[in-house]
N, C-alpha and C. Protein backbone atom coordinates (compact mmCIF):
# COMPACT_ATOMS: atom_id res chain seq x y z
N MET A 1 0.83 -1.15 0.00
CA MET A 1 0.01 0.01 -0.02
C MET A 1 0.91 1.26 0.02
N LYS A 2 0.53 2.26 -0.80
CA LYS A 2 1.24 3.52 -0.84
C LYS A 2 0.48 4.47 0.06
N ILE A 3 1.23 5.28 0.80
CA ILE A 3 0.60 6.22 1.73
C ILE A 3 1.10 7.65 1.36
N LEU A 4 0.17 8.60 1.24
CA LEU A 4 0.53 9.99 1.05
C LEU A 4 0.08 10.71 2.30
N VAL A 5 1.11 11.41 2.93
CA VAL A 5 0.79 12.27 4.04
C VAL A 5 0.72 13.68 3.49
N TYR A 6 -0.44 14.28 3.55
CA TYR A 6 -0.70 15.56 2.96
C TYR A 6 -0.45 16.64 4.00
N GLY A 7 0.74 17.23 3.98
CA GLY A 7 1.08 18.26 4.98
C GLY A 7 2.27 17.87 5.79
N ALA A 8 3.33 18.68 5.69
CA ALA A 8 4.62 18.35 6.34
C ALA A 8 4.85 19.15 7.61
N GLY A 9 3.74 19.43 8.36
CA GLY A 9 3.92 20.03 9.65
C GLY A 9 4.48 19.09 10.62
N PRO A 10 4.47 19.38 11.89
CA PRO A 10 5.08 18.45 12.93
C PRO A 10 4.42 17.13 12.98
N LEU A 11 3.05 17.10 12.95
CA LEU A 11 2.36 15.78 13.03
C LEU A 11 2.51 15.00 11.74
N GLY A 12 2.35 15.64 10.60
CA GLY A 12 2.49 14.96 9.31
C GLY A 12 3.88 14.42 9.14
N SER A 13 4.91 15.17 9.54
CA SER A 13 6.26 14.67 9.41
C SER A 13 6.53 13.51 10.36
N LEU A 14 5.98 13.58 11.56
CA LEU A 14 6.12 12.48 12.52
C LEU A 14 5.50 11.21 11.98
N PHE A 15 4.25 11.32 11.49
CA PHE A 15 3.57 10.16 10.92
C PHE A 15 4.34 9.55 9.74
N ALA A 16 4.79 10.46 8.84
CA ALA A 16 5.52 10.02 7.66
C ALA A 16 6.80 9.28 8.05
N SER A 17 7.53 9.84 9.04
CA SER A 17 8.74 9.21 9.52
C SER A 17 8.52 7.84 10.09
N ARG A 18 7.53 7.74 10.96
CA ARG A 18 7.25 6.45 11.64
C ARG A 18 6.74 5.42 10.64
N LEU A 19 5.90 5.81 9.71
CA LEU A 19 5.42 4.86 8.70
C LEU A 19 6.54 4.41 7.80
N HIS A 20 7.44 5.37 7.43
CA HIS A 20 8.63 5.03 6.62
C HIS A 20 9.53 4.06 7.36
N GLU A 21 9.80 4.31 8.63
CA GLU A 21 10.64 3.46 9.43
C GLU A 21 10.03 2.07 9.57
N ALA A 22 8.71 1.97 9.51
CA ALA A 22 8.02 0.66 9.63
C ALA A 22 7.98 -0.08 8.30
N GLY A 23 8.57 0.56 7.23
CA GLY A 23 8.65 -0.15 5.97
C GLY A 23 7.60 0.15 4.95
N HIS A 24 6.74 1.14 5.24
CA HIS A 24 5.69 1.44 4.28
C HIS A 24 6.22 2.44 3.19
N ALA A 25 5.63 2.36 2.04
CA ALA A 25 5.95 3.27 0.91
C ALA A 25 5.24 4.57 1.20
N VAL A 26 5.98 5.61 1.68
CA VAL A 26 5.37 6.86 2.11
C VAL A 26 5.90 7.98 1.28
N SER A 27 4.96 8.89 0.93
CA SER A 27 5.32 10.16 0.30
C SER A 27 4.78 11.26 1.21
N LEU A 28 5.58 12.32 1.38
CA LEU A 28 5.21 13.46 2.25
C LEU A 28 5.10 14.68 1.35
N LEU A 29 3.91 15.30 1.35
CA LEU A 29 3.71 16.48 0.49
C LEU A 29 4.15 17.74 1.27
N ALA A 30 5.06 18.51 0.68
CA ALA A 30 5.57 19.75 1.32
C ALA A 30 5.66 20.83 0.27
N ARG A 31 5.71 22.06 0.78
CA ARG A 31 5.85 23.21 -0.10
C ARG A 31 6.86 24.22 0.43
N GLY A 32 7.32 25.14 -0.33
CA GLY A 32 8.12 26.23 0.06
C GLY A 32 9.40 25.85 0.75
N GLN A 33 9.81 26.60 1.77
CA GLN A 33 11.05 26.34 2.48
C GLN A 33 11.05 24.96 3.16
N ARG A 34 9.88 24.52 3.60
CA ARG A 34 9.79 23.20 4.25
C ARG A 34 10.18 22.12 3.29
N LEU A 35 9.74 22.23 2.04
CA LEU A 35 10.12 21.32 1.00
C LEU A 35 11.62 21.25 0.82
N THR A 36 12.25 22.43 0.70
CA THR A 36 13.68 22.52 0.55
C THR A 36 14.42 21.89 1.72
N ASP A 37 14.00 22.23 2.93
CA ASP A 37 14.63 21.69 4.14
C ASP A 37 14.53 20.15 4.23
N LEU A 38 13.34 19.63 3.95
CA LEU A 38 13.13 18.18 4.03
C LEU A 38 13.97 17.42 2.99
N ARG A 39 14.06 18.00 1.78
CA ARG A 39 14.87 17.36 0.79
C ARG A 39 16.36 17.38 1.15
N GLU A 40 16.77 18.45 1.78
CA GLU A 40 18.21 18.56 2.16
C GLU A 40 18.55 17.75 3.44
N TYR A 41 17.70 17.87 4.47
CA TYR A 41 18.05 17.32 5.80
C TYR A 41 17.27 16.06 6.17
N GLY A 42 16.14 15.78 5.47
CA GLY A 42 15.28 14.69 5.92
C GLY A 42 14.43 15.13 7.08
N ILE A 43 13.73 14.19 7.66
CA ILE A 43 12.95 14.44 8.88
C ILE A 43 13.85 14.11 10.08
N VAL A 44 14.09 15.08 10.87
CA VAL A 44 14.98 14.90 12.03
C VAL A 44 14.12 14.84 13.26
N LEU A 45 14.16 13.69 13.99
CA LEU A 45 13.40 13.51 15.20
C LEU A 45 14.38 13.47 16.33
N VAL A 46 14.06 14.17 17.45
CA VAL A 46 14.92 14.20 18.60
C VAL A 46 14.16 13.56 19.79
N ASP A 47 14.75 12.53 20.41
CA ASP A 47 14.20 11.94 21.60
C ASP A 47 14.39 12.92 22.77
N THR A 48 13.32 13.37 23.35
CA THR A 48 13.43 14.43 24.39
C THR A 48 14.06 13.88 25.68
N GLN A 49 14.08 12.59 25.90
CA GLN A 49 14.68 12.04 27.07
C GLN A 49 16.15 11.83 26.95
N THR A 50 16.60 11.34 25.77
CA THR A 50 18.03 11.02 25.55
C THR A 50 18.77 12.05 24.69
N GLY A 51 18.03 12.87 23.97
CA GLY A 51 18.66 13.82 23.06
C GLY A 51 19.13 13.21 21.76
N GLN A 52 18.90 11.89 21.58
CA GLN A 52 19.37 11.18 20.37
C GLN A 52 18.51 11.65 19.17
N GLU A 53 19.21 11.91 18.08
CA GLU A 53 18.59 12.33 16.84
C GLU A 53 18.46 11.15 15.89
N THR A 54 17.36 11.03 15.16
CA THR A 54 17.25 10.08 14.13
C THR A 54 16.77 10.82 12.89
N VAL A 55 17.26 10.40 11.73
CA VAL A 55 16.88 11.02 10.46
C VAL A 55 16.15 10.03 9.60
N SER A 56 15.04 10.42 9.09
CA SER A 56 14.22 9.60 8.22
C SER A 56 14.10 10.27 6.86
N ARG A 57 14.15 9.50 5.79
CA ARG A 57 14.07 10.08 4.47
C ARG A 57 12.98 9.45 3.55
N PRO A 58 11.71 9.66 3.92
CA PRO A 58 10.71 9.13 2.98
C PRO A 58 10.71 10.02 1.71
N GLN A 59 9.97 9.58 0.74
CA GLN A 59 9.89 10.39 -0.52
C GLN A 59 9.20 11.69 -0.21
N ILE A 60 9.82 12.81 -0.63
CA ILE A 60 9.26 14.15 -0.41
C ILE A 60 8.77 14.64 -1.76
N VAL A 61 7.48 15.04 -1.85
CA VAL A 61 6.91 15.50 -3.14
C VAL A 61 6.38 16.93 -2.92
N ASP A 62 6.31 17.61 -4.08
CA ASP A 62 5.75 19.01 -4.02
C ASP A 62 4.41 19.11 -4.72
N ARG A 63 3.97 18.04 -5.28
CA ARG A 63 2.62 18.05 -5.98
C ARG A 63 2.10 16.62 -5.94
N LEU A 64 0.80 16.53 -6.07
CA LEU A 64 0.15 15.24 -6.12
C LEU A 64 0.21 14.65 -7.48
N ASP A 65 0.36 13.40 -7.58
CA ASP A 65 0.40 12.66 -8.84
C ASP A 65 -1.02 12.69 -9.39
N PRO A 66 -1.20 13.12 -10.66
CA PRO A 66 -2.60 13.17 -11.23
C PRO A 66 -3.29 11.81 -11.17
N GLN A 67 -2.55 10.73 -11.12
CA GLN A 67 -3.23 9.43 -10.97
C GLN A 67 -3.87 9.25 -9.60
N ASP A 68 -3.42 9.99 -8.66
CA ASP A 68 -3.98 9.88 -7.29
C ASP A 68 -4.95 10.96 -6.95
N ALA A 69 -5.07 12.02 -7.72
CA ALA A 69 -5.80 13.23 -7.23
C ALA A 69 -6.94 13.69 -8.10
N TYR A 70 -7.25 13.01 -9.19
CA TYR A 70 -8.23 13.62 -10.10
C TYR A 70 -9.23 12.58 -10.61
N VAL A 71 -10.37 13.10 -11.10
CA VAL A 71 -11.35 12.26 -11.83
C VAL A 71 -10.73 11.94 -13.19
N GLY A 72 -10.84 10.67 -13.57
CA GLY A 72 -10.24 10.22 -14.85
C GLY A 72 -10.91 10.81 -16.06
N GLN A 73 -10.23 10.64 -17.19
CA GLN A 73 -10.70 11.21 -18.45
C GLN A 73 -12.01 10.59 -18.90
N ALA A 74 -12.31 9.37 -18.52
CA ALA A 74 -13.58 8.70 -18.89
C ALA A 74 -14.68 9.01 -17.89
N GLY A 75 -14.45 9.89 -16.98
CA GLY A 75 -15.47 10.24 -15.98
C GLY A 75 -15.60 9.25 -14.83
N GLU A 76 -14.55 8.44 -14.61
CA GLU A 76 -14.54 7.48 -13.52
C GLU A 76 -13.82 8.08 -12.34
N ILE A 77 -14.14 7.60 -11.16
CA ILE A 77 -13.49 8.01 -9.98
C ILE A 77 -12.92 6.77 -9.32
N ARG A 78 -11.67 6.86 -8.85
CA ARG A 78 -11.09 5.70 -8.18
C ARG A 78 -11.14 5.91 -6.67
N ILE A 79 -11.79 4.98 -6.00
CA ILE A 79 -11.86 5.08 -4.54
C ILE A 79 -10.45 4.85 -4.00
N PRO A 80 -9.93 5.76 -3.18
CA PRO A 80 -8.59 5.56 -2.61
C PRO A 80 -8.48 4.19 -1.90
N PRO A 81 -7.36 3.54 -2.08
CA PRO A 81 -7.21 2.20 -1.51
C PRO A 81 -7.54 2.08 -0.07
N SER A 82 -7.10 2.99 0.75
CA SER A 82 -7.41 2.86 2.20
C SER A 82 -8.92 3.02 2.46
N ALA A 83 -9.56 3.91 1.78
CA ALA A 83 -11.03 4.14 1.92
C ALA A 83 -11.81 2.88 1.31
N TYR A 84 -11.26 2.31 0.26
CA TYR A 84 -11.86 1.12 -0.32
C TYR A 84 -11.86 -0.03 0.66
N VAL A 85 -10.72 -0.20 1.31
CA VAL A 85 -10.62 -1.26 2.32
C VAL A 85 -11.50 -1.03 3.52
N GLU A 86 -11.44 0.18 4.06
CA GLU A 86 -12.27 0.55 5.18
C GLU A 86 -13.77 0.39 4.92
N SER A 87 -14.18 0.73 3.69
CA SER A 87 -15.61 0.67 3.33
C SER A 87 -16.03 -0.73 2.94
N ARG A 88 -15.01 -1.58 2.73
CA ARG A 88 -15.26 -2.97 2.39
C ARG A 88 -16.00 -3.16 1.06
N PHE A 89 -15.71 -2.27 0.13
CA PHE A 89 -16.29 -2.38 -1.21
C PHE A 89 -15.65 -3.64 -1.90
N GLN A 90 -16.39 -4.22 -2.81
CA GLN A 90 -15.95 -5.42 -3.52
C GLN A 90 -16.05 -5.19 -5.04
N LEU A 91 -15.14 -5.78 -5.79
CA LEU A 91 -15.14 -5.77 -7.24
C LEU A 91 -16.52 -6.31 -7.70
N GLY A 92 -17.16 -5.60 -8.58
CA GLY A 92 -18.45 -6.02 -9.11
C GLY A 92 -19.64 -5.69 -8.29
N GLU A 93 -19.45 -5.10 -7.11
CA GLU A 93 -20.56 -4.71 -6.21
C GLU A 93 -21.31 -3.52 -6.78
N THR A 94 -22.60 -3.54 -6.63
CA THR A 94 -23.43 -2.42 -7.01
C THR A 94 -23.48 -1.40 -5.82
N VAL A 95 -23.11 -0.13 -6.12
CA VAL A 95 -23.14 0.91 -5.12
C VAL A 95 -24.13 2.00 -5.51
N VAL A 96 -24.49 2.79 -4.56
CA VAL A 96 -25.43 3.88 -4.77
C VAL A 96 -24.62 5.19 -4.78
N ILE A 97 -24.98 6.05 -5.75
CA ILE A 97 -24.31 7.35 -5.82
C ILE A 97 -25.39 8.37 -5.40
N THR A 98 -24.94 9.26 -4.47
CA THR A 98 -25.82 10.28 -3.93
C THR A 98 -25.28 11.65 -4.31
N ARG A 99 -26.13 12.63 -4.38
CA ARG A 99 -25.69 13.99 -4.60
C ARG A 99 -25.09 14.55 -3.27
N GLY A 100 -24.05 15.39 -3.49
CA GLY A 100 -23.51 16.07 -2.34
C GLY A 100 -24.40 17.20 -1.92
N SER A 101 -24.02 17.92 -0.90
CA SER A 101 -24.84 19.04 -0.46
C SER A 101 -24.69 20.21 -1.45
N ARG A 102 -25.63 21.13 -1.37
CA ARG A 102 -25.50 22.34 -2.26
C ARG A 102 -24.24 23.13 -1.95
N ARG A 103 -23.83 23.14 -0.74
CA ARG A 103 -22.69 23.89 -0.30
C ARG A 103 -21.35 23.24 -0.71
N SER A 104 -21.27 21.92 -0.57
CA SER A 104 -20.00 21.23 -0.82
C SER A 104 -19.92 20.55 -2.20
N GLY A 105 -21.07 20.36 -2.83
CA GLY A 105 -21.08 19.69 -4.15
C GLY A 105 -20.60 18.27 -4.03
N GLY A 106 -20.17 17.73 -5.14
CA GLY A 106 -19.64 16.42 -5.17
C GLY A 106 -20.67 15.30 -5.08
N ILE A 107 -20.24 14.17 -4.61
CA ILE A 107 -21.15 12.98 -4.55
C ILE A 107 -20.79 12.16 -3.29
N GLY A 108 -21.63 11.19 -3.06
CA GLY A 108 -21.35 10.15 -2.05
C GLY A 108 -21.48 8.81 -2.74
N ILE A 109 -20.66 7.85 -2.28
CA ILE A 109 -20.76 6.46 -2.79
C ILE A 109 -20.95 5.57 -1.57
N GLY A 110 -22.01 4.78 -1.63
CA GLY A 110 -22.31 3.90 -0.51
C GLY A 110 -23.16 2.71 -0.92
N ARG A 111 -23.60 2.00 0.11
CA ARG A 111 -24.42 0.82 -0.11
C ARG A 111 -25.91 1.17 0.11
N SER A 112 -26.74 0.57 -0.71
CA SER A 112 -28.16 0.88 -0.58
C SER A 112 -28.73 0.50 0.78
N GLU A 113 -28.28 -0.59 1.36
CA GLU A 113 -28.76 -0.99 2.68
C GLU A 113 -28.39 -0.03 3.77
N LYS A 114 -27.27 0.66 3.64
CA LYS A 114 -26.92 1.69 4.64
C LYS A 114 -27.66 2.99 4.43
N LEU A 115 -27.96 3.25 3.15
CA LEU A 115 -28.59 4.53 2.80
C LEU A 115 -30.12 4.55 2.90
N LYS A 116 -30.72 3.39 2.92
CA LYS A 116 -32.21 3.32 2.81
C LYS A 116 -32.92 4.06 3.95
N ASP A 117 -32.40 4.07 5.15
CA ASP A 117 -33.03 4.76 6.27
C ASP A 117 -32.19 5.96 6.78
N SER A 118 -31.31 6.47 5.88
CA SER A 118 -30.45 7.55 6.34
C SER A 118 -30.94 8.90 5.79
N PRO A 119 -30.38 9.97 6.32
CA PRO A 119 -30.71 11.32 5.80
C PRO A 119 -30.29 11.46 4.35
N LEU A 120 -29.36 10.64 3.87
CA LEU A 120 -28.87 10.75 2.48
C LEU A 120 -29.80 10.10 1.48
N GLN A 121 -30.80 9.34 1.92
CA GLN A 121 -31.66 8.63 1.03
C GLN A 121 -32.30 9.60 -0.01
N SER A 122 -32.63 10.79 0.38
CA SER A 122 -33.30 11.71 -0.54
C SER A 122 -32.33 12.22 -1.59
N ARG A 123 -31.03 12.00 -1.42
CA ARG A 123 -30.07 12.43 -2.39
C ARG A 123 -29.67 11.37 -3.43
N PHE A 124 -30.19 10.16 -3.28
CA PHE A 124 -29.88 9.09 -4.19
C PHE A 124 -30.26 9.43 -5.64
N PHE A 125 -29.36 9.20 -6.59
CA PHE A 125 -29.74 9.42 -7.96
C PHE A 125 -29.20 8.42 -8.93
N GLU A 126 -28.38 7.49 -8.58
CA GLU A 126 -27.84 6.54 -9.58
C GLU A 126 -27.23 5.38 -8.82
N GLN A 127 -27.10 4.28 -9.57
CA GLN A 127 -26.36 3.13 -9.09
C GLN A 127 -25.18 2.89 -10.07
N ALA A 128 -24.12 2.27 -9.56
CA ALA A 128 -22.95 2.01 -10.36
C ALA A 128 -22.31 0.73 -9.87
N ILE A 129 -21.38 0.21 -10.67
CA ILE A 129 -20.67 -0.99 -10.33
C ILE A 129 -19.25 -0.67 -9.99
N VAL A 130 -18.71 -1.27 -8.92
CA VAL A 130 -17.32 -1.07 -8.56
C VAL A 130 -16.47 -1.92 -9.49
N GLY A 131 -15.58 -1.22 -10.22
CA GLY A 131 -14.75 -1.94 -11.20
C GLY A 131 -13.34 -2.18 -10.69
N ASN A 132 -12.48 -2.54 -11.61
CA ASN A 132 -11.10 -2.81 -11.25
C ASN A 132 -10.43 -1.60 -10.59
N ASN A 133 -9.58 -1.82 -9.65
CA ASN A 133 -8.86 -0.79 -8.92
C ASN A 133 -9.79 0.17 -8.14
N GLY A 134 -10.98 -0.30 -7.82
CA GLY A 134 -11.91 0.54 -7.07
C GLY A 134 -12.54 1.67 -7.89
N CYS A 135 -12.50 1.56 -9.24
CA CYS A 135 -13.09 2.61 -10.09
C CYS A 135 -14.57 2.48 -10.16
N VAL A 136 -15.24 3.65 -10.15
CA VAL A 136 -16.71 3.74 -10.28
C VAL A 136 -16.96 4.73 -11.36
N ALA A 137 -17.70 4.31 -12.41
CA ALA A 137 -18.09 5.25 -13.53
C ALA A 137 -19.20 6.21 -12.99
N LEU A 138 -18.91 7.50 -13.23
CA LEU A 138 -19.84 8.49 -12.79
C LEU A 138 -20.86 8.86 -13.87
N PRO A 139 -22.13 9.01 -13.54
CA PRO A 139 -23.10 9.39 -14.57
C PRO A 139 -22.92 10.91 -14.81
N PRO A 140 -23.35 11.41 -15.95
CA PRO A 140 -23.22 12.84 -16.27
C PRO A 140 -23.93 13.75 -15.22
N GLU A 141 -24.97 13.20 -14.60
CA GLU A 141 -25.72 14.02 -13.63
C GLU A 141 -24.86 14.31 -12.37
N ALA A 142 -23.76 13.60 -12.22
CA ALA A 142 -22.87 13.86 -11.06
C ALA A 142 -22.21 15.22 -11.17
N ASP A 143 -22.16 15.78 -12.40
CA ASP A 143 -21.53 17.08 -12.65
C ASP A 143 -20.12 17.19 -12.10
N ILE A 144 -19.37 16.12 -12.29
CA ILE A 144 -17.98 16.07 -11.93
C ILE A 144 -17.21 15.81 -13.23
N HIS A 145 -16.15 16.57 -13.43
CA HIS A 145 -15.50 16.59 -14.77
C HIS A 145 -14.07 16.01 -14.65
N PRO A 146 -13.58 15.43 -15.78
CA PRO A 146 -12.23 14.98 -15.81
C PRO A 146 -11.23 15.98 -15.31
N ASP A 147 -10.24 15.47 -14.60
CA ASP A 147 -9.18 16.26 -13.99
C ASP A 147 -9.61 17.15 -12.79
N GLU A 148 -10.81 16.99 -12.36
CA GLU A 148 -11.26 17.72 -11.17
C GLU A 148 -10.76 17.08 -9.91
N ARG A 149 -10.26 17.94 -8.98
CA ARG A 149 -9.75 17.42 -7.71
C ARG A 149 -10.92 17.40 -6.73
N LEU A 150 -10.93 16.31 -5.93
CA LEU A 150 -12.00 16.14 -4.93
C LEU A 150 -11.35 15.77 -3.62
N LEU A 151 -11.96 16.22 -2.57
CA LEU A 151 -11.53 15.85 -1.18
C LEU A 151 -12.37 14.67 -0.75
N VAL A 152 -11.76 13.60 -0.35
CA VAL A 152 -12.48 12.43 0.15
C VAL A 152 -12.70 12.58 1.63
N VAL A 153 -13.94 12.43 2.03
CA VAL A 153 -14.35 12.55 3.47
C VAL A 153 -14.95 11.27 3.91
N ARG A 154 -14.42 10.77 5.03
CA ARG A 154 -14.99 9.52 5.61
C ARG A 154 -15.46 9.87 7.00
N GLY A 155 -16.41 9.04 7.46
CA GLY A 155 -16.79 9.21 8.86
C GLY A 155 -18.27 9.12 9.13
N SER A 156 -19.13 9.40 8.17
CA SER A 156 -20.53 9.34 8.47
C SER A 156 -21.07 7.92 8.65
N GLY A 157 -20.36 6.94 8.05
CA GLY A 157 -20.83 5.60 8.11
C GLY A 157 -21.85 5.27 7.04
N PHE A 158 -22.43 6.28 6.42
CA PHE A 158 -23.49 6.07 5.43
C PHE A 158 -22.86 5.95 4.01
N ALA A 159 -21.99 6.87 3.67
CA ALA A 159 -21.38 6.90 2.34
C ALA A 159 -20.01 7.55 2.41
N LEU A 160 -19.19 7.23 1.44
CA LEU A 160 -17.90 7.87 1.28
C LEU A 160 -18.14 9.17 0.52
N GLY A 161 -17.76 10.30 1.05
CA GLY A 161 -18.02 11.61 0.42
C GLY A 161 -16.88 12.06 -0.45
N PHE A 162 -17.19 12.65 -1.59
CA PHE A 162 -16.21 13.25 -2.49
C PHE A 162 -16.63 14.70 -2.71
N ILE A 163 -15.96 15.58 -2.00
CA ILE A 163 -16.36 17.01 -1.96
C ILE A 163 -15.63 17.83 -3.02
N GLN A 164 -16.38 18.76 -3.69
CA GLN A 164 -15.79 19.62 -4.71
C GLN A 164 -15.36 20.97 -4.24
N ARG A 165 -16.05 21.53 -3.23
CA ARG A 165 -15.83 22.90 -2.85
C ARG A 165 -16.39 23.13 -1.46
N GLY A 166 -16.42 24.38 -1.06
CA GLY A 166 -17.12 24.75 0.17
C GLY A 166 -16.18 24.86 1.39
N PRO A 167 -16.79 25.18 2.55
CA PRO A 167 -16.01 25.47 3.73
C PRO A 167 -15.19 24.27 4.20
N ILE A 168 -15.69 23.08 4.15
CA ILE A 168 -14.93 21.91 4.63
C ILE A 168 -13.70 21.74 3.72
N TYR A 169 -13.89 21.85 2.43
CA TYR A 169 -12.79 21.68 1.49
C TYR A 169 -11.73 22.77 1.71
N GLU A 170 -12.18 23.99 1.81
CA GLU A 170 -11.24 25.12 2.00
C GLU A 170 -10.54 25.04 3.34
N GLU A 171 -11.28 24.64 4.38
CA GLU A 171 -10.63 24.52 5.71
C GLU A 171 -9.58 23.41 5.73
N ALA A 172 -9.90 22.28 5.06
CA ALA A 172 -8.96 21.16 5.01
C ALA A 172 -7.67 21.57 4.35
N LEU A 173 -7.71 22.39 3.35
CA LEU A 173 -6.50 22.82 2.62
C LEU A 173 -5.63 23.72 3.49
N LYS A 174 -6.16 24.31 4.51
CA LYS A 174 -5.41 25.17 5.44
C LYS A 174 -4.62 24.37 6.47
N HIS A 175 -5.00 23.18 6.73
CA HIS A 175 -4.42 22.37 7.81
C HIS A 175 -3.45 21.36 7.30
N THR A 176 -2.16 21.59 7.61
CA THR A 176 -1.14 20.65 7.18
C THR A 176 -1.02 19.48 8.18
N ASP A 177 -1.80 19.51 9.24
CA ASP A 177 -1.66 18.46 10.26
C ASP A 177 -2.71 17.39 10.14
N ILE A 178 -3.53 17.43 9.08
CA ILE A 178 -4.53 16.34 8.82
C ILE A 178 -4.26 15.73 7.49
N ASP A 179 -4.65 14.45 7.38
CA ASP A 179 -4.53 13.74 6.11
C ASP A 179 -5.71 14.13 5.20
N ILE A 180 -5.41 14.36 3.95
CA ILE A 180 -6.47 14.62 2.98
C ILE A 180 -6.38 13.51 1.92
N PHE A 181 -7.41 12.76 1.78
CA PHE A 181 -7.46 11.64 0.86
C PHE A 181 -8.11 12.09 -0.40
N GLU A 182 -7.47 11.97 -1.49
CA GLU A 182 -7.98 12.44 -2.81
C GLU A 182 -8.05 11.29 -3.75
N VAL A 183 -8.73 11.52 -4.86
CA VAL A 183 -9.05 10.39 -5.77
C VAL A 183 -8.59 10.70 -7.18
N ALA A 184 -8.47 9.61 -7.97
CA ALA A 184 -8.20 9.74 -9.39
C ALA A 184 -9.38 9.25 -10.19
């Protein structure tokens, strides 16, 4: 599994370092002077009790790979691997696509049995099949276009959210200490 840590602040750097040390394929997204420093010095961690320094050198990137961050040219969306596993989606499974809120746009992808008695039931507008690599073909009504970046939001338990805009999206971009999961 590949892991992208979005944000090279203290917490993001700590997580990237520990995951890298544990043998995971980790990329850390950084910008500006922090990008320059990380590429030159790596992530330097200091044990506060012993004063011992350790240096970790995961891959440092300054942009997201388009394969990981955008809607595909054919209008398909790839569920990020970690979200795919957590949601327990299966190849060939029929999923429900719901409209996002007016404020955040986007869509939700979930199971009909979870959505039937949820507040999201009224937003249901299409069904789709989970394809190879967790890809789901989006209907034109989704109003999501090729190369569009989406913020993946998990947590409601009803559906996996793919947000286009709005206060949640904008606020997430300001915080380098949280992971942002995006899709292709």
